[in-house]
Every structure is written in structure tokens, then in C-alpha cells.
Amino acid sequence: MGRRKRTAAEPPIFDAELAHMPADLRWREWMNRIEAVLFAAPRPVQREVLARVIGRDASIDLLIDDIREALRGKPYDVVSIAGGWAFRTRTAYADAIATAAAVPDRAVDLTQNEAMVLVSIAYHQPVTRAGVSEILGREVSRDVIGALRDKNMITAGPRSPTAGAPFTYVTTKEFLEQFGLDTLRDLPGLDELDDAGLLATSPQFPEAGTLPASFQENERDAD
């Protein structure tokens, strides 16, 4: 039986393998495809998405390494964020970008109170509202929790095993993206938080480079 011909109405078959190309040109084309996808994407691109545009036996990690090497000396780079990859301008050019107002500011607008609550959740998750209140030494209102949920910085986690089984809260992937973190293990340590003025009323944060056991378990679950 002969092979059926594709009709004009059918989309062309995407050739991910590029078997007809010499190896060096094939590798360069895969690099170009990944760059194009990252450039066009408004958010970090996950591994499984990039795998669709390259050969089955191609290494995404090696392709990313070669792209980064090719970008040396450029004002932007490919970085790992929230389990995927994205283009980001280098920090050395932050002042130039801000001065020219070349791009809109996507930073989430947080009040000092919201920032304190968010930091408490980030370092102690999963944690209840009462737990955050205990960490900060003052009552944390439902309104603050609601504001952080509306800004997609936190979401409901598992119910606490304590009396009444209240909801706990955990940070979201949007939280990682907003703060340029690949995983929760990339959270800053005590010194950075202190410099940012986020430890003034909260002495219960972990020492730099350490994570509470519950935090580590939550990170493994996220993987």
C-alpha cells in the first residue's frame, strides 16, 4: 500500500530530528530553536516543552550550556527559573534598563506587612496563619493572607494535623518566577534578609544556608 500524501489543508509535519543535516548544523539549529522558544515565551519554559522541538537523543542541558557560552559578552543570559529556562538581562544593566524604562516593571507590589508574611511562609512552609502569627509575634489577618493569594504568591497547602485541621500555606511557582529563583533552595540566607530589613521583628528565621526539615520535605514534594 502506498504512502498517503498530505493534503494542502493539513499542517506540515514538524521535523524535530533533522536527520538530513550534518551533525554540527543540526546542533546549531536545535540551539536556535530553543532560543526562539525562550525569546517568544512570556514565562519560563519547562523541559518537556523544549523537548518537542529537538531530537529525541539531544541533551537539553548541553544545548543550554552552548547557548549560554554563545551569549558571553551579551547583556542577557539564559537562566534557570522555577524548573524551566528564560532569558534575563544581566544585573550589570539593571540601571540602564530602569533609566530608559525600556521594559515594564513586573514586580509584585507588596506592602512591608505582606512581605514579612510572605518571607515567613517561604521559610516555614507549609505553615498555618496561626503559625505565621507566632513567627512574627503578632496577629496576621485573613486580609493579608488573601492579598498574597490574590497576587498568586501563596496558595493553600495540606491541612495541618493540629486541632481543627486548619489550612497551611505554601509559595507558588509564580513566587519563584517573580524573585528569579529556580527552586526553594535558592532562597537567600539570613544576611540578605537582614540587609533587606525583613528580620527586624522576626528572629525565628533559619541561619544562612540552612532550611527547616518541613521546608526540605516540601521542596522534595515540589520536585
Protein backbone atom coordinates (compact mmCIF):
# COMPACT_ATOMS: atom_id res chain seq x y z
CA MET A 1 0.00 0.00 0.00
CA GLY A 2 1.42 3.39 -0.99
CA ARG A 3 2.12 6.20 1.47
CA ARG A 4 -0.75 8.67 1.72
CA LYS A 5 0.09 12.14 0.51
CA ARG A 6 -0.54 15.09 2.79
CA THR A 7 -3.35 17.34 1.61
CA ALA A 8 -2.98 21.11 1.30
CA ALA A 9 -5.26 21.58 4.32
CA GLU A 10 -3.07 19.50 6.62
CA PRO A 11 -0.29 21.26 8.58
CA PRO A 12 3.28 20.27 7.69
CA ILE A 13 4.90 17.62 9.85
CA PHE A 14 7.39 19.22 12.22
CA ASP A 15 10.85 17.69 11.85
CA ALA A 16 12.45 17.62 15.28
CA GLU A 17 15.17 15.13 14.42
CA LEU A 18 16.72 16.94 11.41
CA ALA A 19 18.43 13.70 10.40
CA HIS A 20 19.20 15.07 6.94
CA MET A 21 21.54 17.74 8.37
CA PRO A 22 25.24 17.36 9.22
CA ALA A 23 25.72 16.94 12.97
CA ASP A 24 27.19 20.42 13.56
CA LEU A 25 24.45 22.20 11.63
CA ARG A 26 21.78 20.09 13.32
CA TRP A 27 23.11 21.07 16.76
CA ARG A 28 23.18 24.75 15.80
CA GLU A 29 19.58 24.55 14.56
CA TRP A 30 18.45 22.97 17.81
CA MET A 31 20.17 25.78 19.70
CA ASN A 32 18.36 28.32 17.51
CA ARG A 33 15.02 26.62 18.12
CA ILE A 34 15.48 26.71 21.88
CA GLU A 35 16.50 30.37 21.75
CA ALA A 36 13.44 31.20 19.63
CA VAL A 37 11.08 29.42 22.01
CA LEU A 38 12.60 31.13 25.07
CA PHE A 39 12.54 34.52 23.36
CA ALA A 40 8.86 34.20 22.43
CA ALA A 41 7.70 32.81 25.79
CA PRO A 42 6.32 35.23 28.40
CA ARG A 43 7.23 32.84 31.22
CA PRO A 44 9.99 30.29 31.92
CA VAL A 45 9.79 27.32 29.55
CA GLN A 46 9.77 23.84 31.02
CA ARG A 47 11.98 20.96 29.89
CA GLU A 48 9.13 18.97 28.36
CA VAL A 49 8.20 21.91 26.13
CA LEU A 50 11.74 22.33 24.79
CA ALA A 51 11.94 18.58 24.18
CA ARG A 52 9.28 18.94 21.48
CA VAL A 53 11.50 20.98 19.17
CA ILE A 54 14.74 18.99 19.33
CA GLY A 55 15.80 15.42 18.58
CA ARG A 56 14.94 12.61 20.95
CA ASP A 57 18.59 11.95 21.77
CA ALA A 58 19.62 15.60 22.09
CA SER A 59 20.61 16.88 25.54
CA ILE A 60 18.68 19.98 26.54
CA ASP A 61 21.22 20.74 29.28
CA LEU A 62 24.15 20.63 26.85
CA LEU A 63 22.26 22.77 24.33
CA ILE A 64 21.51 25.33 27.05
CA ASP A 65 25.19 25.30 28.08
CA ASP A 66 26.24 26.03 24.49
CA ILE A 67 23.66 28.80 24.18
CA ARG A 68 24.95 30.41 27.37
CA GLU A 69 28.51 30.13 26.12
CA ALA A 70 27.47 31.84 22.87
CA LEU A 71 25.88 34.65 24.89
CA ARG A 72 29.06 35.53 26.78
CA GLY A 73 29.61 39.26 26.45
CA LYS A 74 25.91 39.87 25.72
CA PRO A 75 23.74 41.90 28.14
CA TYR A 76 21.38 38.94 28.62
CA ASP A 77 21.64 35.27 29.53
CA VAL A 78 19.57 32.08 29.81
CA VAL A 79 18.82 31.31 33.45
CA SER A 80 17.06 28.50 35.33
CA ILE A 81 13.85 29.74 36.93
CA ALA A 82 11.07 27.70 38.55
CA GLY A 83 12.24 24.47 36.96
CA GLY A 84 12.45 25.93 33.45
CA TRP A 85 14.55 28.40 31.49
CA ALA A 86 14.11 32.02 30.46
CA PHE A 87 16.05 34.94 29.04
CA ARG A 88 17.03 37.52 31.64
CA THR A 89 19.11 40.68 31.33
CA ARG A 90 22.31 40.69 33.34
CA THR A 91 22.25 42.63 36.60
CA ALA A 92 25.01 44.94 35.38
CA TYR A 93 22.46 46.51 33.03
CA ALA A 94 19.63 46.96 35.54
CA ASP A 95 20.33 50.69 35.96
CA ALA A 96 20.39 51.25 32.21
CA ILE A 97 17.07 49.46 31.78
CA ALA A 98 15.47 51.38 34.65
CA THR A 99 16.75 54.71 33.31
CA ALA A 100 15.47 54.06 29.81
CA ALA A 101 12.23 52.48 31.09
CA ALA A 102 12.66 50.04 28.23
CA VAL A 103 10.51 47.34 29.82
CA PRO A 104 7.53 47.48 32.18
CA ASP A 105 8.11 46.67 35.82
CA ARG A 106 6.59 43.24 36.51
CA ALA A 107 7.49 43.23 40.18
CA VAL A 108 4.64 42.38 42.53
CA ASP A 109 3.72 45.36 44.69
CA LEU A 110 3.98 44.18 48.30
CA THR A 111 3.45 46.17 51.46
CA GLN A 112 6.01 45.74 54.25
CA ASN A 113 3.48 43.67 56.19
CA GLU A 114 2.77 41.44 53.19
CA ALA A 115 6.49 41.00 52.56
CA MET A 116 7.06 39.91 56.17
CA VAL A 117 4.23 37.36 55.97
CA LEU A 118 5.46 36.09 52.59
CA VAL A 119 9.00 35.62 53.90
CA SER A 120 7.64 33.76 56.94
CA ILE A 121 5.64 31.41 54.72
CA ALA A 122 8.54 30.92 52.28
CA TYR A 123 10.92 29.77 55.03
CA HIS A 124 8.49 27.75 57.16
CA GLN A 125 6.08 26.26 54.62
CA PRO A 126 3.75 24.53 54.92
CA VAL A 127 2.59 26.80 57.75
CA THR A 128 -0.80 27.90 59.09
CA ARG A 129 -1.91 31.51 59.56
CA ALA A 130 -1.62 30.96 63.32
CA GLY A 131 1.90 29.64 62.76
CA VAL A 132 2.85 32.78 60.85
CA SER A 133 1.37 34.89 63.64
CA GLU A 134 3.54 33.02 66.14
CA ILE A 135 6.64 33.52 63.99
CA LEU A 136 6.06 37.25 63.67
CA GLY A 137 4.87 37.74 67.24
CA ARG A 138 1.64 39.46 66.18
CA GLU A 139 -1.70 38.58 64.65
CA VAL A 140 -1.71 38.05 60.89
CA SER A 141 -5.09 38.91 59.41
CA ARG A 142 -7.02 36.91 56.83
CA ASP A 143 -6.91 40.02 54.65
CA VAL A 144 -3.10 39.80 54.34
CA ILE A 145 -3.28 36.10 53.51
CA GLY A 146 -6.00 36.88 50.96
CA ALA A 147 -3.91 39.65 49.38
CA LEU A 148 -0.94 37.31 48.94
CA ARG A 149 -3.21 34.68 47.39
CA ASP A 150 -4.73 37.27 45.05
CA LYS A 151 -1.20 38.21 43.94
CA ASN A 152 -0.51 34.49 43.34
CA MET A 153 2.41 34.46 45.76
CA ILE A 154 0.93 31.75 48.02
CA THR A 155 -1.65 29.01 47.80
CA ALA A 156 -3.30 26.54 50.15
CA GLY A 157 -1.14 23.62 51.23
CA PRO A 158 -2.06 20.44 53.11
CA ARG A 159 -4.25 20.69 56.18
CA SER A 160 -2.38 20.89 59.46
CA PRO A 161 -2.54 17.85 61.77
CA THR A 162 -3.36 20.22 64.67
CA ALA A 163 -6.80 20.65 66.21
CA GLY A 164 -9.38 21.79 63.67
CA ALA A 165 -7.11 20.80 60.75
CA PRO A 166 -6.59 24.38 59.52
CA PHE A 167 -5.18 25.01 56.05
CA THR A 168 -1.47 25.59 55.69
CA TYR A 169 0.06 27.90 53.08
CA VAL A 170 2.91 27.39 50.63
CA THR A 171 4.53 29.56 47.99
CA THR A 172 3.68 29.22 44.30
CA LYS A 173 5.64 28.83 41.09
CA GLU A 174 4.78 32.48 40.40
CA PHE A 175 6.66 33.34 43.61
CA LEU A 176 9.77 31.60 42.23
CA GLU A 177 9.42 33.41 38.90
CA GLN A 178 8.93 36.83 40.47
CA PHE A 179 12.06 36.52 42.59
CA GLY A 180 14.19 34.79 39.95
CA LEU A 181 14.57 31.53 41.88
CA ASP A 182 14.98 28.12 40.29
CA THR A 183 13.89 26.20 43.40
CA LEU A 184 13.12 26.99 47.04
CA ARG A 185 16.69 26.05 47.92
CA ASP A 186 17.78 29.27 46.19
CA LEU A 187 16.11 31.45 48.82
CA PRO A 188 18.54 33.98 50.34
CA GLY A 189 20.09 33.40 53.73
CA LEU A 190 19.88 35.34 56.97
CA ASP A 191 22.32 38.10 55.99
CA GLU A 192 20.45 39.01 52.81
CA LEU A 193 17.11 39.11 54.63
CA ASP A 194 18.60 41.29 57.36
CA ASP A 195 20.03 43.70 54.76
CA ALA A 196 16.56 43.95 53.21
CA GLY A 197 15.09 44.87 56.61
CA LEU A 198 12.90 41.75 56.78
CA LEU A 199 14.19 40.40 60.09
CA ALA A 200 13.56 43.37 62.34
CA THR A 201 10.64 41.73 64.15
CA SER A 202 11.21 38.08 63.32
CA PRO A 203 14.11 36.27 64.99
CA GLN A 204 12.91 32.78 64.04
CA PHE A 205 14.34 32.51 60.52
CA PRO A 206 16.92 29.83 59.67
CA GLU A 207 20.61 30.53 59.61
CA ALA A 208 22.07 31.26 56.20
CA GLY A 209 22.40 28.13 54.09
CA THR A 210 20.03 26.03 56.21
CA LEU A 211 16.41 25.03 55.78
CA PRO A 212 13.88 23.69 58.27
CA ALA A 213 13.04 19.98 57.86
CA SER A 214 9.47 20.75 56.78
CA PHE A 215 10.81 23.11 54.13
CA GLN A 216 13.11 20.41 52.75
CA GLU A 217 10.24 17.91 52.62
CA ASN A 218 8.08 20.41 50.75
CA GLU A 219 10.91 21.03 48.28
CA ARG A 220 11.23 17.31 47.59
CA ASP A 221 7.47 17.12 47.00
CA ALA A 222 7.74 20.02 44.54
CA ASP A 223 10.40 18.12 42.57
